[in-house]
Protein backbone atom coordinates (compact mmCIF):
# COMPACT_ATOMS: atom_id res chain seq x y z
CA MET A 1 215.00 102.55 144.92
CA ALA A 2 218.13 104.68 144.47
CA THR A 3 216.18 107.70 143.33
CA SER A 4 213.92 107.31 146.48
CA PHE A 5 216.98 107.21 148.87
CA LEU A 6 218.42 110.26 147.26
CA ARG A 7 215.21 112.00 147.84
CA GLY A 8 215.04 110.69 151.12
CA ILE A 9 218.12 112.39 152.43
CA LEU A 10 217.43 115.61 150.49
CA PRO A 11 216.20 117.40 153.65
CA CYS A 12 219.61 116.74 155.33
CA LEU A 13 221.60 117.59 152.20
CA LEU A 14 219.80 120.61 150.83
CA ALA A 15 217.44 121.56 153.66
CA ALA A 16 214.82 122.38 150.88
CA GLY A 17 211.36 122.96 152.19
CA LEU A 18 208.32 122.74 149.86
CA GLY A 19 205.80 124.53 152.06
CA ALA A 20 203.43 123.68 154.95
CA ALA A 21 200.43 123.83 152.58
CA LEU A 22 201.41 120.36 151.05
CA LEU A 23 200.05 118.78 154.40
CA THR A 24 196.40 119.96 153.36
CA ALA A 25 196.97 119.41 149.62
CA ALA A 26 197.79 116.04 149.93
CA ALA A 27 194.62 115.29 151.87
CA GLU A 28 192.48 116.92 149.18
CA ALA A 29 194.13 116.20 145.81
CA GLN A 30 196.59 114.01 144.05
CA ALA A 31 198.85 116.30 142.21
CA PRO A 32 199.75 115.32 138.57
CA LYS A 33 202.73 112.55 138.09
CA LYS A 34 205.91 114.57 136.84
CA PRO A 35 208.18 112.35 134.85
CA GLU A 36 210.24 110.18 136.80
CA ALA A 37 214.15 111.22 137.26
CA PRO A 38 216.79 109.06 135.83
CA THR A 39 217.63 106.09 138.14
CA ILE A 40 220.88 106.14 139.47
CA PRO A 41 221.91 102.28 140.32
CA SER A 42 222.97 101.53 143.66
CA PHE A 43 225.95 98.86 144.82
CA LEU A 44 226.37 97.02 147.91
CA GLY A 45 229.55 97.06 149.73
CA THR A 46 231.27 97.13 153.17
CA LEU A 47 233.02 100.16 154.74
CA THR A 48 236.44 98.66 155.49
CA GLU A 49 238.50 101.63 156.62
CA VAL A 50 237.94 105.15 157.73
CA LYS A 51 240.90 107.45 157.86
CA LYS A 52 241.76 110.94 158.30
CA LYS A 53 244.24 112.73 155.85
CA GLY A 54 244.81 116.19 157.34
CA MET A 55 241.13 117.67 157.77
CA GLN A 56 239.86 115.44 155.32
CA THR A 57 237.89 112.01 155.84
CA ILE A 58 238.72 109.22 153.21
CA LEU A 59 236.68 106.05 153.20
CA THR A 60 237.80 102.61 151.68
CA ILE A 61 234.90 100.60 150.16
CA THR A 62 234.97 97.07 149.50
CA PRO A 63 232.29 96.41 146.82
CA GLU A 64 230.14 93.16 147.55
CA LEU A 65 230.42 92.38 143.49
CA GLY A 66 233.13 89.76 142.93
CA GLY A 67 236.27 91.01 141.00
CA THR A 68 235.90 94.49 142.13
CA GLU A 69 238.72 95.77 144.17
CA PRO A 70 238.24 98.28 147.12
CA PHE A 71 238.50 102.01 146.15
CA GLU A 72 238.92 105.05 148.28
CA LEU A 73 236.37 107.79 148.37
CA PRO A 74 236.88 111.30 149.85
CA VAL A 75 234.27 112.93 151.95
CA THR A 76 233.40 116.26 150.32
CA PRO A 77 230.50 118.76 150.63
CA MET A 78 229.43 117.33 147.29
CA LEU A 79 228.97 113.75 148.59
CA GLY A 80 225.65 112.92 149.67
CA MET A 81 226.07 110.87 152.95
CA ALA A 82 223.56 109.20 155.19
CA ILE A 83 224.71 107.27 157.97
CA GLU A 84 221.53 105.39 159.76
CA ALA A 85 221.05 103.43 162.83
CA LYS A 86 218.18 102.15 164.65
CA GLY A 87 217.11 104.41 167.79
CA ASP A 88 214.80 104.55 170.86
CA SER A 89 212.23 106.71 171.79
CA GLY A 90 214.54 109.09 173.67
CA PHE A 91 215.70 110.38 170.18
CA LEU A 92 212.10 112.12 169.85
CA ARG A 93 212.48 115.32 172.07
CA GLU A 94 211.57 118.87 171.86
CA LYS A 95 213.54 121.08 169.17
CA GLN A 96 214.70 117.68 167.42
CA PHE A 97 214.65 117.78 163.58
CA VAL A 98 212.60 114.84 162.43
CA SER A 99 210.96 113.33 159.20
CA ALA A 100 207.78 111.70 159.87
CA THR A 101 206.40 109.30 157.26
CA GLY A 102 202.87 108.30 157.23
CA PHE A 103 199.55 109.25 155.73
CA VAL A 104 196.72 111.76 156.17
CA ASN A 105 193.25 110.32 156.76
CA ASN A 106 190.05 112.68 157.40
CA GLY A 107 192.58 115.61 158.27
CA THR A 108 194.71 113.59 160.66
CA PHE A 109 198.23 112.94 160.21
CA LEU A 110 199.30 109.31 161.18
CA VAL A 111 202.81 108.54 161.41
CA GLU A 112 203.90 105.12 160.59
CA LYS A 113 207.76 105.70 161.28
CA TRP A 114 210.34 108.50 162.34
CA THR A 115 213.70 109.47 161.05
CA VAL A 116 215.45 111.55 163.49
CA HIS A 117 218.33 113.98 162.06
CA VAL A 118 221.23 114.82 164.11
CA GLY A 119 224.61 116.31 163.63
CA PRO A 120 225.92 119.63 162.50
CA ALA A 121 223.83 119.73 159.14
CA THR A 122 220.62 119.70 161.03
CA LYS A 123 221.37 123.54 161.78
CA LYS A 124 220.62 124.38 158.13
CA MET A 125 217.53 122.46 157.98
CA GLN A 126 213.92 123.72 156.81
CA PRO A 127 210.63 122.39 157.33
CA GLY A 128 208.81 121.08 154.40
CA THR A 129 206.52 118.22 153.23
CA ARG A 130 206.78 116.06 150.13
CA PRO A 131 204.11 113.50 148.69
CA LEU A 132 205.07 109.82 148.80
CA PRO A 133 203.65 107.32 146.12
CA ASP A 134 200.85 104.66 147.37
CA THR A 135 203.21 101.85 146.76
CA ASP A 136 205.94 100.15 148.56
CA GLU A 137 209.31 99.27 147.72
CA ASN A 138 208.26 96.39 145.77
CA GLY A 139 205.62 98.18 143.80
CA GLU A 140 202.81 96.80 145.65
CA LYS A 141 199.97 98.89 146.80
CA LYS A 142 199.95 99.92 150.68
CA PRO A 143 197.04 98.59 152.53
CA GLN A 144 195.49 101.95 153.27
CA ALA A 145 192.88 102.81 150.90
CA GLY A 146 191.81 106.30 149.82
CA VAL A 147 194.57 108.30 151.82
CA LYS A 148 197.43 110.49 150.76
CA PHE A 149 200.90 109.48 151.76
CA VAL A 150 203.32 112.11 152.82
CA GLU A 151 206.68 112.75 154.69
CA VAL A 152 206.98 115.83 156.78
CA THR A 153 210.15 117.21 158.12
CA ALA A 154 210.34 119.60 160.84
CA GLN A 155 211.09 120.38 164.36
CA LEU A 156 209.22 118.75 167.27
CA MET A 157 207.52 120.96 169.49
CA SER A 158 206.03 118.84 171.90
CA ILE A 159 205.06 115.22 172.51
CA ASN A 160 202.51 113.82 174.82
CA PRO A 161 200.41 110.81 175.39
CA ASP A 162 197.21 110.31 173.48
CA LYS A 163 194.43 111.01 175.98
CA ASP A 164 191.99 108.68 174.22
CA ASP A 165 194.48 105.66 173.50
CA ALA A 166 197.24 104.66 175.99
CA SER A 167 199.17 103.01 172.97
CA ARG A 168 199.67 106.01 170.91
CA SER A 169 201.24 109.50 171.28
CA VAL A 170 200.63 112.92 169.66
CA ALA A 171 203.60 115.12 168.60
CA VAL A 172 203.22 118.44 167.53
CA LEU A 173 205.29 119.40 164.44
CA LYS A 174 206.67 123.00 163.77
CA ILE A 175 205.16 123.33 160.55
CA GLY A 176 201.60 124.82 159.36
CA GLY A 177 201.10 127.71 161.57
CA PRO A 178 201.92 128.92 164.96
CA LYS A 179 200.49 125.98 166.83
CA GLY A 180 202.09 123.57 164.67
CA THR A 181 200.75 120.24 163.12
CA PRO A 182 199.69 117.40 165.13
CA ALA A 183 200.88 114.02 164.36
CA SER A 184 199.50 110.79 165.92
CA PHE A 185 201.84 107.84 166.22
CA ASP A 186 201.79 104.23 167.88
CA SER A 187 204.38 104.40 170.77
CA LYS A 188 206.32 101.34 169.15
CA ALA A 189 206.66 103.27 165.73
CA PRO A 190 210.23 102.33 164.37
CA ILE A 191 212.83 105.40 164.75
CA THR A 192 215.96 105.56 162.49
CA VAL A 193 218.58 107.97 163.54
CA ARG A 194 220.10 109.78 160.46
CA SER A 195 223.30 111.85 160.28
CA SER A 196 225.88 112.95 157.78
CA ASP A 197 228.63 113.51 160.36
CA PRO A 198 231.69 111.24 159.46
CA ALA A 199 232.54 111.05 163.09
CA MET A 200 229.82 108.46 163.29
CA LEU A 201 231.12 106.07 160.64
CA LYS A 202 231.96 102.62 161.79
CA GLU A 203 234.54 100.59 160.19
CA GLY A 204 232.88 97.08 158.89
CA SER A 205 229.40 98.58 158.32
CA GLU A 206 227.32 97.68 155.40
CA MET A 207 226.56 100.12 153.08
CA GLU A 208 225.19 101.29 149.64
CA TYR A 209 227.06 103.63 147.09
CA TYR A 210 225.70 105.38 144.18
CA PRO A 211 228.15 105.84 141.21
CA VAL A 212 227.21 107.77 137.97
CA ALA A 213 227.21 105.75 134.63
CA GLY A 214 230.35 105.63 132.37
CA GLY A 215 232.91 106.05 135.37
CA ASN A 216 236.29 104.30 135.97
CA PRO A 217 235.16 100.74 137.39
CA LYS A 218 238.33 100.57 139.83
CA ARG A 219 237.39 104.13 141.03
CA PRO A 220 233.89 105.11 140.48
CA LYS A 221 232.54 108.56 140.94
CA VAL A 222 230.29 107.95 143.74
CA VAL A 223 227.62 110.90 144.40
CA ALA A 224 226.04 109.28 147.58
CA VAL A 225 226.53 106.70 150.15
CA LYS A 226 224.32 105.40 152.83
CA VAL A 227 225.79 103.67 155.64
CA LYS A 228 224.17 101.24 157.97
CA LEU A 229 225.33 100.90 161.56
CA ALA A 230 225.15 97.51 162.94
CA GLU A 231 224.43 98.43 166.62
CA ALA A 232 221.36 100.48 167.62
CA LEU A 233 221.97 104.06 169.18
CA LYS A 234 220.88 104.81 173.03
CA SER A 235 219.56 108.26 173.23
CA GLU A 236 220.74 108.70 176.67
CA GLU A 237 224.52 107.95 175.80
CA PHE A 238 224.20 109.87 172.38
CA PHE A 239 222.81 113.16 173.84
CA ALA A 240 225.10 112.96 176.95
CA ALA A 241 228.18 112.59 174.48
CA GLU A 242 226.94 115.24 172.31
CA GLU A 243 226.63 117.60 175.45
CA GLU A 244 230.16 116.73 176.59
CA SER A 245 231.47 117.38 173.19
CA ARG A 246 229.77 120.91 173.05
CA ALA A 247 231.19 121.69 176.66
CA LYS A 248 234.75 121.08 175.31
CA LYS A 249 234.36 123.80 172.58
């Protein structure tokens, strides 16, 4: 689970593209399995305080585990951080960087859920595709049989209603050639907004943190955090605030 999360935020942290050809490859053949990376355990907690010390942001994390005292965590470039919230369909807009999770069936990419990347880190993102396992988080086989599961990260080129199905839309992702790659999705597909911008942090948010083994329990060496905002974000308000912020610079 922890390894899955760390891989999931890789586009935002490292902006590492794996090549557009993976879409076709995923549909044609299953790549040989590589040895699993060492699992980093995750722990639940609450973000109890966010404070500024000069130019640096410092988090106070209260672990859920009883008997463990709150500890401070400086936000540095080495810290993997994902701040997530539910979003509405207005976040799916042209030129926005997204990660589309779904499967390829008969040459068609069907998106099951979206992650919309926002914040300064998106300027360094690159398009890429990675294969996904055919099991869910509980290790159960996914209901679709004979398909290849993938996550595609790219900019949105366009979104239009599906001419043959009023309940679906077709997005074109900027990957796989000049005309991009079409992606079909249900108009009610869930949307998660993800950022690494500390300005989006909210005190009281639930979170997971990932410490390396062998550290000091009172001050663990945390390599990544995932913060879940309780309130859903509204695209109209979010982008209006973003435009206002840019205008002031």
